[in-house]
């Protein structure tokens, strides 16, 4: 990335561990962390709490807010890590910038459901997980992505991302 700051967008379905991974990456790299769910409009959170899946139209303002955060980081010359499900290619295309890399945290439906069932205080109910997997379009080989296995320990996931970044910057 020519020494210029980058932003990592940690993506995947609910329950995969995006926040845990993103926080660990930000801490390890010394970069700014942002929880993308904090940028959801109140109406989106209310829909999800009610068990209603978001539509593409619902996600538009949220994706724009995430894009605004990314732009703010890059314009200020600061690297960062933000979470965003970014389930569809169209969403990732909307967030894509020359210095953005997606980190695809992969996990199967059963493991993600078990994690959701065990967490407290999150607005995303387990009933919406199937809709997330239905919407998921895994990143293609032409996208700037680092894929990690969400079943691996967080330290191993962080190591994989940091190693990939180091190899990328060395070329």
N, C-alpha and C. Protein backbone atom coordinates (compact mmCIF):
# COMPACT_ATOMS: atom_id res chain seq x y z
N UNK A 1 0.82 -1.20 0.00
CA UNK A 1 0.00 0.00 0.00
C UNK A 1 0.86 1.27 0.00
N UNK A 2 2.11 1.11 -0.33
CA UNK A 2 3.04 2.24 -0.47
C UNK A 2 3.18 3.07 0.79
N UNK A 3 3.03 2.47 1.95
CA UNK A 3 3.19 3.21 3.19
C UNK A 3 2.04 4.14 3.53
N UNK A 4 1.05 4.23 2.66
CA UNK A 4 -0.10 5.07 2.95
C UNK A 4 -1.03 4.31 3.90
N UNK A 5 -1.79 5.04 4.73
CA UNK A 5 -2.70 4.36 5.66
C UNK A 5 -3.79 3.59 4.92
N UNK A 6 -4.21 2.51 5.55
CA UNK A 6 -5.31 1.72 5.01
C UNK A 6 -6.38 1.59 6.07
N UNK A 7 -7.56 1.17 5.63
CA UNK A 7 -8.64 0.84 6.55
C UNK A 7 -9.04 -0.60 6.26
N UNK A 8 -9.13 -1.36 7.33
CA UNK A 8 -9.62 -2.73 7.25
C UNK A 8 -11.10 -2.73 7.60
N UNK A 9 -11.91 -3.36 6.77
CA UNK A 9 -13.33 -3.54 7.03
C UNK A 9 -13.52 -5.01 7.37
N UNK A 10 -13.75 -5.30 8.65
CA UNK A 10 -13.94 -6.68 9.09
C UNK A 10 -15.40 -7.05 8.84
N UNK A 11 -15.61 -8.03 7.97
CA UNK A 11 -16.94 -8.35 7.47
C UNK A 11 -17.31 -9.80 7.74
N UNK A 12 -18.61 -10.07 7.67
CA UNK A 12 -19.15 -11.41 7.83
C UNK A 12 -20.52 -11.34 8.46
N UNK A 13 -21.13 -12.49 8.61
CA UNK A 13 -22.47 -12.55 9.19
C UNK A 13 -22.42 -12.23 10.68
N UNK A 14 -23.58 -11.99 11.24
CA UNK A 14 -23.69 -11.74 12.67
C UNK A 14 -23.23 -12.97 13.44
N UNK A 15 -22.51 -12.74 14.52
CA UNK A 15 -22.07 -13.82 15.37
C UNK A 15 -20.73 -14.42 15.01
N UNK A 16 -20.16 -14.00 13.89
CA UNK A 16 -18.90 -14.58 13.44
C UNK A 16 -17.71 -14.13 14.30
N UNK A 17 -17.84 -12.98 14.94
CA UNK A 17 -16.74 -12.47 15.76
C UNK A 17 -16.07 -11.24 15.17
N UNK A 18 -16.81 -10.49 14.36
CA UNK A 18 -16.24 -9.31 13.71
C UNK A 18 -15.68 -8.31 14.72
N UNK A 19 -16.46 -8.00 15.73
CA UNK A 19 -16.03 -6.99 16.71
C UNK A 19 -14.81 -7.45 17.48
N UNK A 20 -14.81 -8.70 17.92
CA UNK A 20 -13.67 -9.23 18.66
C UNK A 20 -12.41 -9.18 17.80
N UNK A 21 -12.53 -9.62 16.54
CA UNK A 21 -11.38 -9.60 15.64
C UNK A 21 -10.94 -8.18 15.34
N UNK A 22 -11.89 -7.30 15.05
CA UNK A 22 -11.54 -5.92 14.70
C UNK A 22 -10.84 -5.20 15.87
N UNK A 23 -11.36 -5.39 17.07
CA UNK A 23 -10.71 -4.78 18.24
C UNK A 23 -9.29 -5.31 18.42
N UNK A 24 -9.12 -6.61 18.27
CA UNK A 24 -7.79 -7.23 18.43
C UNK A 24 -6.83 -6.73 17.35
N UNK A 25 -7.32 -6.58 16.13
CA UNK A 25 -6.48 -6.05 15.05
C UNK A 25 -6.07 -4.61 15.34
N UNK A 26 -7.05 -3.80 15.73
CA UNK A 26 -6.76 -2.39 16.03
C UNK A 26 -5.74 -2.27 17.15
N UNK A 27 -5.90 -3.10 18.17
CA UNK A 27 -4.96 -3.06 19.30
C UNK A 27 -3.56 -3.48 18.84
N UNK A 28 -3.49 -4.56 18.11
CA UNK A 28 -2.18 -5.06 17.66
C UNK A 28 -1.47 -4.08 16.73
N UNK A 29 -2.26 -3.45 15.84
CA UNK A 29 -1.67 -2.54 14.86
C UNK A 29 -1.54 -1.10 15.38
N UNK A 30 -2.22 -0.80 16.49
CA UNK A 30 -2.21 0.56 17.01
C UNK A 30 -3.06 1.52 16.17
N UNK A 31 -4.12 0.97 15.58
CA UNK A 31 -5.00 1.75 14.71
C UNK A 31 -6.31 2.07 15.42
N UNK A 32 -7.04 3.03 14.89
CA UNK A 32 -8.35 3.40 15.41
C UNK A 32 -9.37 2.29 15.10
N UNK A 33 -10.22 1.99 16.09
CA UNK A 33 -11.28 1.01 15.92
C UNK A 33 -12.63 1.71 15.94
N UNK A 34 -13.55 1.25 15.08
CA UNK A 34 -14.93 1.74 15.09
C UNK A 34 -15.88 0.56 14.93
N UNK A 35 -16.84 0.48 15.83
CA UNK A 35 -17.91 -0.52 15.72
C UNK A 35 -18.93 -0.01 14.72
N UNK A 36 -19.00 -0.65 13.56
CA UNK A 36 -19.90 -0.20 12.50
C UNK A 36 -21.36 -0.22 12.89
N UNK A 37 -21.76 -1.12 13.80
CA UNK A 37 -23.16 -1.16 14.22
C UNK A 37 -23.60 0.14 14.88
N UNK A 38 -22.65 0.88 15.46
CA UNK A 38 -22.99 2.16 16.09
C UNK A 38 -23.46 3.19 15.07
N UNK A 39 -23.20 2.95 13.80
CA UNK A 39 -23.58 3.90 12.75
C UNK A 39 -24.94 3.59 12.13
N UNK A 40 -25.59 2.51 12.58
CA UNK A 40 -26.93 2.19 12.08
C UNK A 40 -27.91 3.28 12.51
N UNK A 41 -28.79 3.70 11.60
CA UNK A 41 -29.89 4.57 12.02
C UNK A 41 -30.77 3.85 13.04
N UNK A 42 -31.42 4.60 13.91
CA UNK A 42 -32.28 4.02 14.94
C UNK A 42 -33.37 3.14 14.34
N UNK A 43 -33.88 3.52 13.18
CA UNK A 43 -34.94 2.72 12.54
C UNK A 43 -34.43 1.32 12.18
N UNK A 44 -33.18 1.22 11.76
CA UNK A 44 -32.61 -0.10 11.43
C UNK A 44 -32.52 -0.97 12.67
N UNK A 45 -32.05 -0.39 13.76
CA UNK A 45 -31.91 -1.14 15.00
C UNK A 45 -33.28 -1.62 15.48
N UNK A 46 -34.27 -0.74 15.38
CA UNK A 46 -35.63 -1.12 15.78
C UNK A 46 -36.15 -2.28 14.94
N UNK A 47 -35.89 -2.24 13.63
CA UNK A 47 -36.33 -3.33 12.76
C UNK A 47 -35.68 -4.65 13.17
N UNK A 48 -34.37 -4.59 13.38
CA UNK A 48 -33.65 -5.82 13.73
C UNK A 48 -34.11 -6.36 15.08
N UNK A 49 -34.30 -5.46 16.06
CA UNK A 49 -34.79 -5.90 17.36
C UNK A 49 -36.14 -6.59 17.24
N UNK A 50 -36.93 -6.14 16.27
CA UNK A 50 -38.25 -6.73 16.04
C UNK A 50 -38.18 -8.01 15.21
N UNK A 51 -36.96 -8.40 14.81
CA UNK A 51 -36.79 -9.61 14.03
C UNK A 51 -37.08 -9.44 12.55
N UNK A 52 -37.04 -8.20 12.07
CA UNK A 52 -37.32 -7.91 10.66
C UNK A 52 -35.99 -7.69 9.94
N UNK A 53 -35.70 -8.49 8.91
CA UNK A 53 -34.44 -8.30 8.18
C UNK A 53 -34.39 -6.94 7.48
N UNK A 54 -33.22 -6.38 7.42
CA UNK A 54 -33.05 -5.11 6.72
C UNK A 54 -33.07 -5.34 5.21
N UNK A 55 -33.56 -4.35 4.49
CA UNK A 55 -33.54 -4.38 3.03
C UNK A 55 -32.31 -3.61 2.55
N UNK A 56 -32.05 -3.70 1.26
CA UNK A 56 -30.96 -2.91 0.68
C UNK A 56 -31.19 -1.42 0.93
N UNK A 57 -32.43 -0.98 0.81
CA UNK A 57 -32.74 0.44 1.04
C UNK A 57 -32.45 0.83 2.49
N UNK A 58 -32.77 -0.07 3.44
CA UNK A 58 -32.47 0.20 4.85
C UNK A 58 -30.97 0.35 5.08
N UNK A 59 -30.20 -0.48 4.40
CA UNK A 59 -28.76 -0.49 4.62
C UNK A 59 -28.05 0.70 3.97
N UNK A 60 -28.67 1.34 3.00
CA UNK A 60 -28.02 2.44 2.28
C UNK A 60 -27.44 3.53 3.17
N UNK A 61 -28.23 4.15 4.05
CA UNK A 61 -27.69 5.20 4.91
C UNK A 61 -26.59 4.70 5.85
N UNK A 62 -26.71 3.46 6.29
CA UNK A 62 -25.69 2.86 7.16
C UNK A 62 -24.39 2.69 6.40
N UNK A 63 -24.47 2.16 5.18
CA UNK A 63 -23.27 2.00 4.37
C UNK A 63 -22.62 3.35 4.07
N UNK A 64 -23.45 4.36 3.82
CA UNK A 64 -22.92 5.71 3.58
C UNK A 64 -22.20 6.23 4.82
N UNK A 65 -22.75 5.95 6.01
CA UNK A 65 -22.10 6.40 7.25
C UNK A 65 -20.77 5.67 7.44
N UNK A 66 -20.73 4.40 7.14
CA UNK A 66 -19.48 3.65 7.24
C UNK A 66 -18.47 4.20 6.23
N UNK A 67 -18.93 4.45 5.02
CA UNK A 67 -18.05 5.04 4.01
C UNK A 67 -17.53 6.40 4.44
N UNK A 68 -18.37 7.18 5.11
CA UNK A 68 -17.94 8.48 5.62
C UNK A 68 -16.85 8.35 6.68
N UNK A 69 -17.01 7.33 7.55
CA UNK A 69 -15.98 7.10 8.57
C UNK A 69 -14.66 6.71 7.90
N UNK A 70 -14.74 5.81 6.91
CA UNK A 70 -13.55 5.38 6.18
C UNK A 70 -12.87 6.60 5.53
N UNK A 71 -13.67 7.41 4.85
CA UNK A 71 -13.11 8.59 4.18
C UNK A 71 -12.45 9.53 5.18
N UNK A 72 -13.07 9.70 6.34
CA UNK A 72 -12.50 10.57 7.37
C UNK A 72 -11.14 10.07 7.83
N UNK A 73 -11.02 8.76 8.02
CA UNK A 73 -9.74 8.18 8.43
C UNK A 73 -8.69 8.39 7.35
N UNK A 74 -9.03 8.03 6.12
CA UNK A 74 -8.06 8.11 5.04
C UNK A 74 -7.68 9.56 4.72
N UNK A 75 -8.67 10.46 4.73
CA UNK A 75 -8.39 11.87 4.45
C UNK A 75 -7.47 12.47 5.50
N UNK A 76 -7.58 11.97 6.74
CA UNK A 76 -6.73 12.47 7.83
C UNK A 76 -5.38 11.75 7.89
N UNK A 77 -5.19 10.78 6.99
CA UNK A 77 -3.93 10.04 6.98
C UNK A 77 -3.81 9.04 8.12
N UNK A 78 -4.97 8.58 8.62
CA UNK A 78 -4.97 7.65 9.76
C UNK A 78 -5.50 6.29 9.32
N UNK A 79 -4.80 5.21 9.69
CA UNK A 79 -5.34 3.88 9.42
C UNK A 79 -6.46 3.57 10.40
N UNK A 80 -7.28 2.58 10.07
CA UNK A 80 -8.37 2.22 10.96
C UNK A 80 -8.91 0.84 10.68
N UNK A 81 -9.74 0.40 11.61
CA UNK A 81 -10.43 -0.89 11.50
C UNK A 81 -11.88 -0.64 11.87
N UNK A 82 -12.79 -1.06 10.99
CA UNK A 82 -14.22 -0.89 11.24
C UNK A 82 -14.94 -2.20 10.93
N UNK A 83 -16.01 -2.45 11.67
CA UNK A 83 -16.82 -3.64 11.39
C UNK A 83 -18.00 -3.27 10.51
N UNK A 84 -18.35 -4.19 9.63
CA UNK A 84 -19.52 -4.02 8.75
C UNK A 84 -19.80 -5.39 8.15
N UNK A 85 -21.02 -5.85 8.22
CA UNK A 85 -21.33 -7.17 7.67
C UNK A 85 -20.94 -7.26 6.20
N UNK A 86 -21.18 -6.20 5.41
CA UNK A 86 -20.79 -6.15 4.00
C UNK A 86 -21.10 -7.46 3.28
N UNK A 87 -22.32 -7.94 3.48
CA UNK A 87 -22.69 -9.27 3.00
C UNK A 87 -22.72 -9.40 1.49
N UNK A 88 -23.11 -8.35 0.80
CA UNK A 88 -23.27 -8.43 -0.65
C UNK A 88 -22.14 -7.68 -1.37
N UNK A 89 -21.86 -8.15 -2.57
CA UNK A 89 -20.83 -7.50 -3.39
C UNK A 89 -21.17 -6.02 -3.59
N UNK A 90 -22.44 -5.72 -3.81
CA UNK A 90 -22.83 -4.32 -4.02
C UNK A 90 -22.49 -3.45 -2.80
N UNK A 91 -22.61 -4.01 -1.61
CA UNK A 91 -22.27 -3.25 -0.39
C UNK A 91 -20.76 -3.01 -0.33
N UNK A 92 -19.99 -4.06 -0.65
CA UNK A 92 -18.53 -3.90 -0.64
C UNK A 92 -18.09 -2.92 -1.71
N UNK A 93 -18.73 -2.98 -2.88
CA UNK A 93 -18.39 -2.02 -3.94
C UNK A 93 -18.65 -0.59 -3.47
N UNK A 94 -19.70 -0.41 -2.69
CA UNK A 94 -20.05 0.92 -2.18
C UNK A 94 -19.00 1.42 -1.18
N UNK A 95 -18.36 0.50 -0.48
CA UNK A 95 -17.35 0.86 0.52
C UNK A 95 -15.93 0.82 -0.03
N UNK A 96 -15.75 0.27 -1.21
CA UNK A 96 -14.41 0.09 -1.77
C UNK A 96 -13.76 1.44 -2.06
N UNK A 97 -12.51 1.52 -1.66
CA UNK A 97 -11.64 2.65 -1.94
C UNK A 97 -10.26 2.07 -2.21
N UNK A 98 -9.37 2.85 -2.82
CA UNK A 98 -8.05 2.30 -3.12
C UNK A 98 -7.29 1.77 -1.90
N UNK A 99 -7.54 2.27 -0.71
CA UNK A 99 -6.78 1.83 0.46
C UNK A 99 -7.68 1.14 1.49
N UNK A 100 -8.67 0.40 1.00
CA UNK A 100 -9.56 -0.38 1.86
C UNK A 100 -9.35 -1.86 1.55
N UNK A 101 -9.18 -2.64 2.61
CA UNK A 101 -9.07 -4.09 2.48
C UNK A 101 -10.16 -4.71 3.37
N UNK A 102 -10.89 -5.65 2.81
CA UNK A 102 -11.91 -6.37 3.57
C UNK A 102 -11.27 -7.58 4.24
N UNK A 103 -11.65 -7.82 5.48
CA UNK A 103 -11.22 -9.02 6.21
C UNK A 103 -12.48 -9.85 6.40
N UNK A 104 -12.57 -10.94 5.65
CA UNK A 104 -13.76 -11.80 5.67
C UNK A 104 -13.60 -12.85 6.75
N UNK A 105 -14.34 -12.65 7.83
CA UNK A 105 -14.33 -13.56 8.97
C UNK A 105 -15.39 -14.62 8.70
N UNK A 106 -14.95 -15.82 8.33
CA UNK A 106 -15.86 -16.90 7.91
C UNK A 106 -16.17 -17.84 9.06
N UNK A 107 -17.44 -18.24 9.14
CA UNK A 107 -17.87 -19.20 10.15
C UNK A 107 -19.16 -19.83 9.64
N UNK A 108 -19.36 -21.09 9.94
CA UNK A 108 -20.56 -21.79 9.50
C UNK A 108 -21.79 -21.37 10.28
N UNK A 109 -22.97 -21.70 9.75
CA UNK A 109 -24.23 -21.29 10.37
C UNK A 109 -24.42 -21.82 11.80
N UNK A 110 -24.03 -23.06 12.05
CA UNK A 110 -24.24 -23.63 13.38
C UNK A 110 -23.38 -22.92 14.42
N UNK A 111 -22.11 -22.68 14.09
CA UNK A 111 -21.20 -22.02 15.03
C UNK A 111 -21.63 -20.57 15.26
N UNK A 112 -22.05 -19.88 14.19
CA UNK A 112 -22.51 -18.50 14.34
C UNK A 112 -23.76 -18.43 15.21
N UNK A 113 -24.68 -19.37 15.02
CA UNK A 113 -25.90 -19.41 15.82
C UNK A 113 -25.58 -19.64 17.30
N UNK A 114 -24.62 -20.52 17.56
CA UNK A 114 -24.23 -20.79 18.95
C UNK A 114 -23.64 -19.54 19.59
N UNK A 115 -22.85 -18.80 18.84
CA UNK A 115 -22.27 -17.57 19.39
C UNK A 115 -23.34 -16.52 19.65
N UNK A 116 -24.27 -16.37 18.73
CA UNK A 116 -25.34 -15.39 18.92
C UNK A 116 -26.17 -15.75 20.15
N UNK A 117 -26.47 -17.03 20.29
CA UNK A 117 -27.27 -17.47 21.43
C UNK A 117 -26.58 -17.17 22.76
N UNK A 118 -25.26 -17.13 22.76
CA UNK A 118 -24.51 -16.91 23.98
C UNK A 118 -24.20 -15.47 24.32
N UNK A 119 -24.50 -14.54 23.42
CA UNK A 119 -24.14 -13.15 23.72
C UNK A 119 -25.32 -12.40 24.32
N UNK A 120 -24.98 -11.41 25.09
CA UNK A 120 -25.99 -10.63 25.83
C UNK A 120 -25.99 -9.18 25.36
N UNK A 121 -27.17 -8.59 25.30
CA UNK A 121 -27.29 -7.16 25.06
C UNK A 121 -27.11 -6.71 23.62
N UNK A 122 -27.11 -7.60 22.66
CA UNK A 122 -26.97 -7.20 21.26
C UNK A 122 -28.35 -7.16 20.62
N UNK A 123 -28.56 -6.20 19.72
CA UNK A 123 -29.89 -6.02 19.13
C UNK A 123 -30.22 -7.04 18.05
N UNK A 124 -29.25 -7.79 17.57
CA UNK A 124 -29.47 -8.74 16.48
C UNK A 124 -29.97 -10.07 17.04
N UNK A 125 -31.23 -10.42 16.79
CA UNK A 125 -31.74 -11.69 17.32
C UNK A 125 -31.27 -12.88 16.48
N UNK A 126 -31.16 -14.04 17.10
CA UNK A 126 -30.75 -15.24 16.36
C UNK A 126 -31.65 -15.54 15.17
N UNK A 127 -32.89 -15.13 15.23
CA UNK A 127 -33.84 -15.44 14.15
C UNK A 127 -33.44 -14.80 12.81
N UNK A 128 -32.59 -13.78 12.83
CA UNK A 128 -32.19 -13.11 11.59
C UNK A 128 -30.95 -13.72 10.95
N UNK A 129 -30.32 -14.67 11.62
CA UNK A 129 -29.08 -15.23 11.10
C UNK A 129 -29.28 -15.90 9.74
N UNK A 130 -30.38 -16.63 9.58
CA UNK A 130 -30.63 -17.31 8.30
C UNK A 130 -30.71 -16.31 7.16
N UNK A 131 -31.31 -15.14 7.41
CA UNK A 131 -31.41 -14.13 6.35
C UNK A 131 -30.03 -13.58 6.00
N UNK A 132 -29.13 -13.53 6.99
CA UNK A 132 -27.77 -13.05 6.71
C UNK A 132 -27.03 -14.06 5.83
N UNK A 133 -27.13 -15.34 6.16
CA UNK A 133 -26.48 -16.35 5.32
C UNK A 133 -27.10 -16.38 3.92
N UNK A 134 -28.41 -16.13 3.83
CA UNK A 134 -29.06 -16.10 2.51
C UNK A 134 -28.54 -14.93 1.67
N UNK A 135 -28.25 -13.80 2.32
CA UNK A 135 -27.75 -12.62 1.61
C UNK A 135 -26.26 -12.68 1.32
N UNK A 136 -25.52 -13.51 2.05
CA UNK A 136 -24.07 -13.52 1.95
C UNK A 136 -23.59 -13.90 0.55
N UNK A 137 -22.82 -13.00 -0.04
CA UNK A 137 -22.11 -13.25 -1.29
C UNK A 137 -20.63 -13.19 -0.94
N UNK A 138 -19.99 -14.34 -0.73
CA UNK A 138 -18.58 -14.32 -0.34
C UNK A 138 -17.75 -13.51 -1.34
N UNK A 139 -16.74 -12.81 -0.84
CA UNK A 139 -15.90 -12.00 -1.74
C UNK A 139 -15.24 -12.86 -2.82
N UNK A 140 -15.14 -12.29 -3.99
CA UNK A 140 -14.51 -12.97 -5.11
C UNK A 140 -13.01 -12.71 -5.16
N UNK A 141 -12.31 -13.44 -6.02
CA UNK A 141 -10.86 -13.30 -6.11
C UNK A 141 -10.41 -11.93 -6.62
N UNK A 142 -11.32 -11.19 -7.22
CA UNK A 142 -10.97 -9.86 -7.73
C UNK A 142 -11.16 -8.77 -6.68
N UNK A 143 -11.62 -9.13 -5.48
CA UNK A 143 -11.83 -8.14 -4.42
C UNK A 143 -10.62 -8.11 -3.48
N UNK A 144 -10.34 -6.93 -2.91
CA UNK A 144 -9.23 -6.83 -1.95
C UNK A 144 -9.65 -7.42 -0.60
N UNK A 145 -9.37 -8.70 -0.41
CA UNK A 145 -9.88 -9.39 0.77
C UNK A 145 -8.83 -10.31 1.37
N UNK A 146 -8.88 -10.39 2.68
CA UNK A 146 -8.11 -11.37 3.44
C UNK A 146 -9.16 -12.22 4.14
N UNK A 147 -9.20 -13.51 3.83
CA UNK A 147 -10.17 -14.40 4.46
C UNK A 147 -9.53 -15.10 5.65
N UNK A 148 -10.26 -15.14 6.75
CA UNK A 148 -9.78 -15.84 7.94
C UNK A 148 -10.87 -16.80 8.42
N UNK A 149 -10.43 -17.83 9.11
CA UNK A 149 -11.34 -18.85 9.64
C UNK A 149 -11.80 -18.41 11.02
N UNK A 150 -13.07 -18.03 11.14
CA UNK A 150 -13.63 -17.56 12.39
C UNK A 150 -13.63 -18.60 13.50
N UNK A 151 -13.41 -19.86 13.17
CA UNK A 151 -13.34 -20.90 14.20
C UNK A 151 -11.96 -20.95 14.87
N UNK A 152 -10.99 -20.32 14.25
CA UNK A 152 -9.64 -20.27 14.82
C UNK A 152 -9.61 -19.29 15.99
N UNK A 153 -8.67 -19.46 16.91
CA UNK A 153 -8.52 -18.48 17.99
C UNK A 153 -8.26 -17.09 17.42
N UNK A 154 -8.72 -16.07 18.13
CA UNK A 154 -8.55 -14.69 17.67
C UNK A 154 -7.09 -14.38 17.38
N UNK A 155 -6.18 -14.82 18.23
CA UNK A 155 -4.75 -14.54 18.02
C UNK A 155 -4.28 -15.09 16.67
N UNK A 156 -4.75 -16.27 16.29
CA UNK A 156 -4.37 -16.86 15.00
C UNK A 156 -4.96 -16.06 13.84
N UNK A 157 -6.19 -15.57 14.02
CA UNK A 157 -6.81 -14.75 12.98
C UNK A 157 -6.04 -13.44 12.81
N UNK A 158 -5.69 -12.82 13.92
CA UNK A 158 -4.93 -11.57 13.87
C UNK A 158 -3.58 -11.81 13.20
N UNK A 159 -2.90 -12.87 13.60
CA UNK A 159 -1.61 -13.20 12.98
C UNK A 159 -1.74 -13.37 11.47
N UNK A 160 -2.79 -14.04 11.03
CA UNK A 160 -3.00 -14.27 9.60
C UNK A 160 -3.17 -12.94 8.86
N UNK A 161 -3.96 -12.03 9.43
CA UNK A 161 -4.18 -10.74 8.77
C UNK A 161 -2.89 -9.92 8.76
N UNK A 162 -2.20 -9.85 9.89
CA UNK A 162 -0.97 -9.06 9.98
C UNK A 162 0.09 -9.61 9.03
N UNK A 163 0.21 -10.94 8.96
CA UNK A 163 1.16 -11.55 8.03
C UNK A 163 0.82 -11.20 6.60
N UNK A 164 -0.46 -11.27 6.25
CA UNK A 164 -0.89 -10.92 4.89
C UNK A 164 -0.58 -9.46 4.58
N UNK A 165 -0.86 -8.57 5.52
CA UNK A 165 -0.56 -7.15 5.31
C UNK A 165 0.93 -6.93 5.12
N UNK A 166 1.74 -7.61 5.91
CA UNK A 166 3.20 -7.46 5.80
C UNK A 166 3.69 -7.95 4.43
N UNK A 167 3.13 -9.08 3.96
CA UNK A 167 3.53 -9.60 2.64
C UNK A 167 3.08 -8.66 1.53
N UNK A 168 1.90 -8.09 1.69
CA UNK A 168 1.37 -7.18 0.67
C UNK A 168 2.21 -5.91 0.59
N UNK A 169 2.62 -5.38 1.74
CA UNK A 169 3.39 -4.14 1.73
C UNK A 169 4.83 -4.37 1.28
N UNK A 170 5.28 -5.64 1.33
CA UNK A 170 6.65 -5.95 0.92
C UNK A 170 6.76 -6.08 -0.60
N UNK A 171 5.62 -6.24 -1.27
CA UNK A 171 5.68 -6.42 -2.73
C UNK A 171 5.59 -5.11 -3.46
